[in-house]
PDB file of all heavy atoms in Angstrom:
ATOM      1  N   VAL A   1     -59.283 -21.790 -48.795  1.00  0.00           N
ATOM      2  CA  VAL A   1     -58.712 -21.705 -47.452  1.00  0.00           C
ATOM      3  C   VAL A   1     -59.647 -20.870 -46.579  1.00  0.00           C
ATOM      4  O   VAL A   1     -60.157 -19.832 -47.006  1.00  0.00           O
ATOM      5  CB  VAL A   1     -57.282 -21.116 -47.472  1.00  0.00           C
ATOM      6  CG1 VAL A   1     -57.251 -19.719 -48.069  1.00  0.00           C
ATOM      7  CG2 VAL A   1     -56.654 -21.139 -46.076  1.00  0.00           C
ATOM      8  N   TRP A   2     -59.894 -21.382 -45.373  1.00  0.00           N
ATOM      9  CA  TRP A   2     -60.748 -20.698 -44.402  1.00  0.00           C
ATOM     10  C   TRP A   2     -59.883 -19.935 -43.406  1.00  0.00           C
ATOM     11  O   TRP A   2     -58.931 -20.491 -42.848  1.00  0.00           O
ATOM     12  CB  TRP A   2     -61.623 -21.702 -43.658  1.00  0.00           C
ATOM     13  CG  TRP A   2     -62.674 -22.334 -44.503  1.00  0.00           C
ATOM     14  CD1 TRP A   2     -62.513 -23.378 -45.367  1.00  0.00           C
ATOM     15  CD2 TRP A   2     -64.043 -21.948 -44.594  1.00  0.00           C
ATOM     16  NE1 TRP A   2     -63.700 -23.672 -45.990  1.00  0.00           N
ATOM     17  CE2 TRP A   2     -64.662 -22.814 -45.533  1.00  0.00           C
ATOM     18  CE3 TRP A   2     -64.812 -20.965 -43.982  1.00  0.00           C
ATOM     19  CZ2 TRP A   2     -66.012 -22.712 -45.857  1.00  0.00           C
ATOM     20  CZ3 TRP A   2     -66.167 -20.872 -44.303  1.00  0.00           C
ATOM     21  CH2 TRP A   2     -66.748 -21.726 -45.227  1.00  0.00           C
ATOM     22  N   ALA A   3     -60.192 -18.669 -43.184  1.00  0.00           N
ATOM     23  CA  ALA A   3     -59.482 -17.842 -42.213  1.00  0.00           C
ATOM     24  C   ALA A   3     -60.357 -16.630 -41.891  1.00  0.00           C
ATOM     25  O   ALA A   3     -61.280 -16.299 -42.648  1.00  0.00           O
ATOM     26  CB  ALA A   3     -58.123 -17.389 -42.756  1.00  0.00           C
ATOM     27  N   ASP A   4     -60.051 -15.977 -40.799  1.00  0.00           N
ATOM     28  CA  ASP A   4     -60.784 -14.763 -40.418  1.00  0.00           C
ATOM     29  C   ASP A   4     -60.032 -13.566 -40.997  1.00  0.00           C
ATOM     30  O   ASP A   4     -59.232 -12.916 -40.329  1.00  0.00           O
ATOM     31  CB  ASP A   4     -60.877 -14.681 -38.897  1.00  0.00           C
ATOM     32  CG  ASP A   4     -61.676 -13.477 -38.416  1.00  0.00           C
ATOM     33  OD1 ASP A   4     -62.212 -12.744 -39.278  1.00  0.00           O
ATOM     34  OD2 ASP A   4     -61.740 -13.264 -37.197  1.00  0.00           O
ATOM     35  N   PHE A   5     -60.302 -13.270 -42.265  1.00  0.00           N
ATOM     36  CA  PHE A   5     -59.507 -12.275 -42.984  1.00  0.00           C
ATOM     37  C   PHE A   5     -59.768 -10.844 -42.528  1.00  0.00           C
ATOM     38  O   PHE A   5     -58.929  -9.970 -42.737  1.00  0.00           O
ATOM     39  CB  PHE A   5     -59.754 -12.398 -44.489  1.00  0.00           C
ATOM     40  CG  PHE A   5     -59.208 -13.665 -45.083  1.00  0.00           C
ATOM     41  CD1 PHE A   5     -60.051 -14.666 -45.531  1.00  0.00           C
ATOM     42  CD2 PHE A   5     -57.834 -13.870 -45.178  1.00  0.00           C
ATOM     43  CE1 PHE A   5     -59.549 -15.840 -46.075  1.00  0.00           C
ATOM     44  CE2 PHE A   5     -57.317 -15.044 -45.709  1.00  0.00           C
ATOM     45  CZ  PHE A   5     -58.183 -16.032 -46.156  1.00  0.00           C
ATOM     46  N   ASN A   6     -60.927 -10.585 -41.912  1.00  0.00           N
ATOM     47  CA  ASN A   6     -61.195  -9.231 -41.428  1.00  0.00           C
ATOM     48  C   ASN A   6     -61.179  -9.116 -39.905  1.00  0.00           C
ATOM     49  O   ASN A   6     -61.561  -8.087 -39.332  1.00  0.00           O
ATOM     50  CB  ASN A   6     -62.530  -8.711 -41.974  1.00  0.00           C
ATOM     51  CG  ASN A   6     -63.702  -9.630 -41.619  1.00  0.00           C
ATOM     52  OD1 ASN A   6     -63.557 -10.594 -40.866  1.00  0.00           O
ATOM     53  ND2 ASN A   6     -64.871  -9.325 -42.172  1.00  0.00           N
ATOM     54  N   ASN A   7     -60.721 -10.181 -39.249  1.00  0.00           N
ATOM     55  CA  ASN A   7     -60.541 -10.186 -37.791  1.00  0.00           C
ATOM     56  C   ASN A   7     -61.812  -9.810 -37.021  1.00  0.00           C
ATOM     57  O   ASN A   7     -61.764  -9.068 -36.035  1.00  0.00           O
ATOM     58  CB  ASN A   7     -59.392  -9.248 -37.387  1.00  0.00           C
ATOM     59  CG  ASN A   7     -58.026  -9.884 -37.598  1.00  0.00           C
ATOM     60  OD1 ASN A   7     -57.919 -11.048 -37.959  1.00  0.00           O
ATOM     61  ND2 ASN A   7     -56.968  -9.113 -37.381  1.00  0.00           N
ATOM     62  N   ASP A   8     -62.966 -10.362 -37.477  1.00  0.00           N
ATOM     63  CA  ASP A   8     -64.214 -10.077 -36.764  1.00  0.00           C
ATOM     64  C   ASP A   8     -64.690 -11.259 -35.937  1.00  0.00           C
ATOM     65  O   ASP A   8     -65.780 -11.218 -35.362  1.00  0.00           O
ATOM     66  CB  ASP A   8     -65.297  -9.651 -37.753  1.00  0.00           C
ATOM     67  CG  ASP A   8     -65.721 -10.771 -38.707  1.00  0.00           C
ATOM     68  OD1 ASP A   8     -65.041 -11.823 -38.727  1.00  0.00           O
ATOM     69  OD2 ASP A   8     -66.713 -10.589 -39.440  1.00  0.00           O
ATOM     70  N   GLY A   9     -63.871 -12.327 -35.880  1.00  0.00           N
ATOM     71  CA  GLY A   9     -64.241 -13.484 -35.076  1.00  0.00           C
ATOM     72  C   GLY A   9     -65.053 -14.524 -35.811  1.00  0.00           C
ATOM     73  O   GLY A   9     -65.516 -15.495 -35.193  1.00  0.00           O
ATOM     74  N   TRP A  10     -65.222 -14.364 -37.141  1.00  0.00           N
ATOM     75  CA  TRP A  10     -65.973 -15.324 -37.947  1.00  0.00           C
ATOM     76  C   TRP A  10     -65.133 -15.732 -39.145  1.00  0.00           C
ATOM     77  O   TRP A  10     -64.462 -14.906 -39.764  1.00  0.00           O
ATOM     78  CB  TRP A  10     -67.298 -14.713 -38.424  1.00  0.00           C
ATOM     79  CG  TRP A  10     -68.234 -14.428 -37.289  1.00  0.00           C
ATOM     80  CD1 TRP A  10     -68.119 -13.414 -36.381  1.00  0.00           C
ATOM     81  CD2 TRP A  10     -69.400 -15.162 -36.933  1.00  0.00           C
ATOM     82  NE1 TRP A  10     -69.152 -13.463 -35.475  1.00  0.00           N
ATOM     83  CE2 TRP A  10     -69.956 -14.522 -35.789  1.00  0.00           C
ATOM     84  CE3 TRP A  10     -70.034 -16.280 -37.464  1.00  0.00           C
ATOM     85  CZ2 TRP A  10     -71.123 -14.996 -35.172  1.00  0.00           C
ATOM     86  CZ3 TRP A  10     -71.196 -16.747 -36.854  1.00  0.00           C
ATOM     87  CH2 TRP A  10     -71.729 -16.113 -35.724  1.00  0.00           C
ATOM     88  N   LEU A  11     -65.204 -17.024 -39.500  1.00  0.00           N
ATOM     89  CA  LEU A  11     -64.374 -17.538 -40.581  1.00  0.00           C
ATOM     90  C   LEU A  11     -64.928 -17.167 -41.955  1.00  0.00           C
ATOM     91  O   LEU A  11     -66.109 -17.352 -42.242  1.00  0.00           O
ATOM     92  CB  LEU A  11     -64.263 -19.062 -40.477  1.00  0.00           C
ATOM     93  CG  LEU A  11     -63.404 -19.587 -39.324  1.00  0.00           C
ATOM     94  CD1 LEU A  11     -63.547 -21.099 -39.197  1.00  0.00           C
ATOM     95  CD2 LEU A  11     -61.943 -19.207 -39.521  1.00  0.00           C
ATOM     96  N   ASP A  12     -64.048 -16.657 -42.791  1.00  0.00           N
ATOM     97  CA  ASP A  12     -64.334 -16.358 -44.187  1.00  0.00           C
ATOM     98  C   ASP A  12     -63.669 -17.440 -45.041  1.00  0.00           C
ATOM     99  O   ASP A  12     -62.896 -18.256 -44.536  1.00  0.00           O
ATOM    100  CB  ASP A  12     -63.782 -14.976 -44.550  1.00  0.00           C
ATOM    101  CG  ASP A  12     -64.086 -13.940 -43.482  1.00  0.00           C
ATOM    102  OD1 ASP A  12     -65.276 -13.731 -43.185  1.00  0.00           O
ATOM    103  OD2 ASP A  12     -63.128 -13.347 -42.914  1.00  0.00           O
ATOM    104  N   VAL A  13     -63.939 -17.427 -46.340  1.00  0.00           N
ATOM    105  CA  VAL A  13     -63.322 -18.433 -47.191  1.00  0.00           C
ATOM    106  C   VAL A  13     -62.891 -17.817 -48.515  1.00  0.00           C
ATOM    107  O   VAL A  13     -63.658 -17.105 -49.168  1.00  0.00           O
ATOM    108  CB  VAL A  13     -64.260 -19.646 -47.429  1.00  0.00           C
ATOM    109  CG1 VAL A  13     -65.558 -19.242 -48.119  1.00  0.00           C
ATOM    110  CG2 VAL A  13     -63.548 -20.732 -48.227  1.00  0.00           C
ATOM    111  N   PHE A  14     -61.636 -18.072 -48.872  1.00  0.00           N
ATOM    112  CA  PHE A  14     -61.105 -17.702 -50.185  1.00  0.00           C
ATOM    113  C   PHE A  14     -61.176 -18.931 -51.071  1.00  0.00           C
ATOM    114  O   PHE A  14     -60.756 -20.027 -50.666  1.00  0.00           O
ATOM    115  CB  PHE A  14     -59.659 -17.207 -50.074  1.00  0.00           C
ATOM    116  CG  PHE A  14     -59.028 -16.911 -51.415  1.00  0.00           C
ATOM    117  CD1 PHE A  14     -59.115 -15.648 -51.963  1.00  0.00           C
ATOM    118  CD2 PHE A  14     -58.367 -17.902 -52.128  1.00  0.00           C
ATOM    119  CE1 PHE A  14     -58.553 -15.367 -53.206  1.00  0.00           C
ATOM    120  CE2 PHE A  14     -57.800 -17.645 -53.367  1.00  0.00           C
ATOM    121  CZ  PHE A  14     -57.898 -16.367 -53.904  1.00  0.00           C
ATOM    122  N   VAL A  15     -61.701 -18.774 -52.292  1.00  0.00           N
ATOM    123  CA  VAL A  15     -61.815 -19.877 -53.242  1.00  0.00           C
ATOM    124  C   VAL A  15     -60.999 -19.543 -54.479  1.00  0.00           C
ATOM    125  O   VAL A  15     -61.253 -18.530 -55.143  1.00  0.00           O
ATOM    126  CB  VAL A  15     -63.287 -20.142 -53.633  1.00  0.00           C
ATOM    127  CG1 VAL A  15     -63.362 -21.287 -54.645  1.00  0.00           C
ATOM    128  CG2 VAL A  15     -64.125 -20.463 -52.400  1.00  0.00           C
ATOM    129  N   GLY A  16     -60.000 -20.387 -54.763  1.00  0.00           N
ATOM    130  CA  GLY A  16     -59.166 -20.191 -55.934  1.00  0.00           C
ATOM    131  C   GLY A  16     -59.708 -20.977 -57.117  1.00  0.00           C
ATOM    132  O   GLY A  16     -59.808 -22.204 -57.070  1.00  0.00           O
ATOM    133  N   ALA A  17     -60.079 -20.282 -58.180  1.00  0.00           N
ATOM    134  CA  ALA A  17     -60.668 -20.933 -59.350  1.00  0.00           C
ATOM    135  C   ALA A  17     -59.603 -21.342 -60.350  1.00  0.00           C
ATOM    136  O   ALA A  17     -58.500 -20.798 -60.370  1.00  0.00           O
ATOM    137  CB  ALA A  17     -61.669 -19.996 -60.016  1.00  0.00           C
ATOM    138  N   GLU A  18     -59.957 -22.324 -61.189  1.00  0.00           N
ATOM    139  CA  GLU A  18     -59.074 -22.764 -62.261  1.00  0.00           C
ATOM    140  C   GLU A  18     -59.519 -22.131 -63.576  1.00  0.00           C
ATOM    141  O   GLU A  18     -60.578 -22.479 -64.115  1.00  0.00           O
ATOM    142  CB  GLU A  18     -59.108 -24.286 -62.392  1.00  0.00           C
ATOM    143  CG  GLU A  18     -58.517 -25.007 -61.206  1.00  0.00           C
ATOM    144  CD  GLU A  18     -58.474 -26.513 -61.388  1.00  0.00           C
ATOM    145  OE1 GLU A  18     -58.886 -27.000 -62.459  1.00  0.00           O
ATOM    146  OE2 GLU A  18     -58.030 -27.207 -60.458  1.00  0.00           O
ATOM    147  N   ASP A  19     -58.748 -21.203 -64.074  1.00  0.00           N
ATOM    148  CA  ASP A  19     -59.021 -20.608 -65.383  1.00  0.00           C
ATOM    149  C   ASP A  19     -57.880 -20.983 -66.314  1.00  0.00           C
ATOM    150  O   ASP A  19     -56.735 -20.568 -66.109  1.00  0.00           O
ATOM    151  CB  ASP A  19     -59.142 -19.089 -65.278  1.00  0.00           C
ATOM    152  CG  ASP A  19     -59.624 -18.473 -66.585  1.00  0.00           C
ATOM    153  OD1 ASP A  19     -58.767 -18.154 -67.446  1.00  0.00           O
ATOM    154  OD2 ASP A  19     -60.841 -18.322 -66.757  1.00  0.00           O
ATOM    155  N   SER A  20     -58.195 -21.781 -67.331  1.00  0.00           N
ATOM    156  CA  SER A  20     -57.154 -22.281 -68.231  1.00  0.00           C
ATOM    157  C   SER A  20     -56.794 -21.282 -69.317  1.00  0.00           C
ATOM    158  O   SER A  20     -55.805 -21.472 -70.032  1.00  0.00           O
ATOM    159  CB  SER A  20     -57.599 -23.603 -68.864  1.00  0.00           C
ATOM    160  OG  SER A  20     -58.736 -23.401 -69.680  1.00  0.00           O
ATOM    161  N   GLY A  21     -57.613 -20.237 -69.486  1.00  0.00           N
ATOM    162  CA  GLY A  21     -57.310 -19.232 -70.491  1.00  0.00           C
ATOM    163  C   GLY A  21     -57.535 -19.701 -71.908  1.00  0.00           C
ATOM    164  O   GLY A  21     -57.040 -19.094 -72.852  1.00  0.00           O
ATOM    165  N   THR A  22     -58.284 -20.808 -72.084  1.00  0.00           N
ATOM    166  CA  THR A  22     -58.549 -21.329 -73.422  1.00  0.00           C
ATOM    167  C   THR A  22     -60.033 -21.214 -73.736  1.00  0.00           C
ATOM    168  O   THR A  22     -60.870 -21.032 -72.840  1.00  0.00           O
ATOM    169  CB  THR A  22     -58.114 -22.797 -73.538  1.00  0.00           C
ATOM    170  OG1 THR A  22     -58.869 -23.583 -72.598  1.00  0.00           O
ATOM    171  CG2 THR A  22     -56.638 -22.944 -73.229  1.00  0.00           C
ATOM    172  N   ILE A  23     -60.385 -21.359 -75.003  1.00  0.00           N
ATOM    173  CA  ILE A  23     -61.767 -21.166 -75.403  1.00  0.00           C
ATOM    174  C   ILE A  23     -62.675 -22.287 -74.922  1.00  0.00           C
ATOM    175  O   ILE A  23     -63.889 -22.151 -74.924  1.00  0.00           O
ATOM    176  CB  ILE A  23     -61.864 -21.045 -76.945  1.00  0.00           C
ATOM    177  CG1 ILE A  23     -61.304 -22.313 -77.619  1.00  0.00           C
ATOM    178  CG2 ILE A  23     -61.162 -19.809 -77.441  1.00  0.00           C
ATOM    179  CD1 ILE A  23     -61.506 -22.322 -79.125  1.00  0.00           C
ATOM    180  N   ASP A  24     -62.071 -23.410 -74.492  1.00  0.00           N
ATOM    181  CA  ASP A  24     -62.898 -24.518 -74.013  1.00  0.00           C
ATOM    182  C   ASP A  24     -63.001 -24.537 -72.497  1.00  0.00           C
ATOM    183  O   ASP A  24     -63.385 -25.525 -71.897  1.00  0.00           O
ATOM    184  CB  ASP A  24     -62.336 -25.861 -74.515  1.00  0.00           C
ATOM    185  CG  ASP A  24     -61.023 -26.236 -73.829  1.00  0.00           C
ATOM    186  OD1 ASP A  24     -60.402 -25.345 -73.229  1.00  0.00           O
ATOM    187  OD2 ASP A  24     -60.644 -27.416 -73.901  1.00  0.00           O
ATOM    188  N   ALA A  25     -62.690 -23.414 -71.854  1.00  0.00           N
ATOM    189  CA  ALA A  25     -62.637 -23.387 -70.393  1.00  0.00           C
ATOM    190  C   ALA A  25     -64.009 -23.343 -69.750  1.00  0.00           C
ATOM    191  O   ALA A  25     -64.136 -23.515 -68.547  1.00  0.00           O
ATOM    192  CB  ALA A  25     -61.810 -22.185 -69.924  1.00  0.00           C
ATOM    193  N   GLY A  26     -65.056 -23.066 -70.539  1.00  0.00           N
ATOM    194  CA  GLY A  26     -66.386 -22.971 -69.954  1.00  0.00           C
ATOM    195  C   GLY A  26     -66.635 -21.638 -69.307  1.00  0.00           C
ATOM    196  O   GLY A  26     -67.447 -21.529 -68.384  1.00  0.00           O
ATOM    197  N   GLY A  27     -65.939 -20.594 -69.769  1.00  0.00           N
ATOM    198  CA  GLY A  27     -66.102 -19.264 -69.207  1.00  0.00           C
ATOM    199  C   GLY A  27     -64.854 -18.799 -68.488  1.00  0.00           C
ATOM    200  O   GLY A  27     -63.915 -19.560 -68.266  1.00  0.00           O
ATOM    201  N   ILE A  28     -64.842 -17.528 -68.136  1.00  0.00           N
ATOM    202  CA  ILE A  28     -63.738 -16.962 -67.358  1.00  0.00           C
ATOM    203  C   ILE A  28     -64.009 -17.219 -65.885  1.00  0.00           C
ATOM    204  O   ILE A  28     -65.095 -16.925 -65.378  1.00  0.00           O
ATOM    205  CB  ILE A  28     -63.598 -15.451 -67.630  1.00  0.00           C
ATOM    206  CG1 ILE A  28     -63.259 -15.211 -69.105  1.00  0.00           C
ATOM    207  CG2 ILE A  28     -62.527 -14.835 -66.732  1.00  0.00           C
ATOM    208  CD1 ILE A  28     -63.264 -13.752 -69.500  1.00  0.00           C
TER     209      ILE A  28
END
């Protein structure tokens, strides 16, 4: 989601990752 999280007039982006918590996840 893109939003100006620090209110400086420029868009930031939050990226939500998929972590399955299993050994085949390819890392944390």
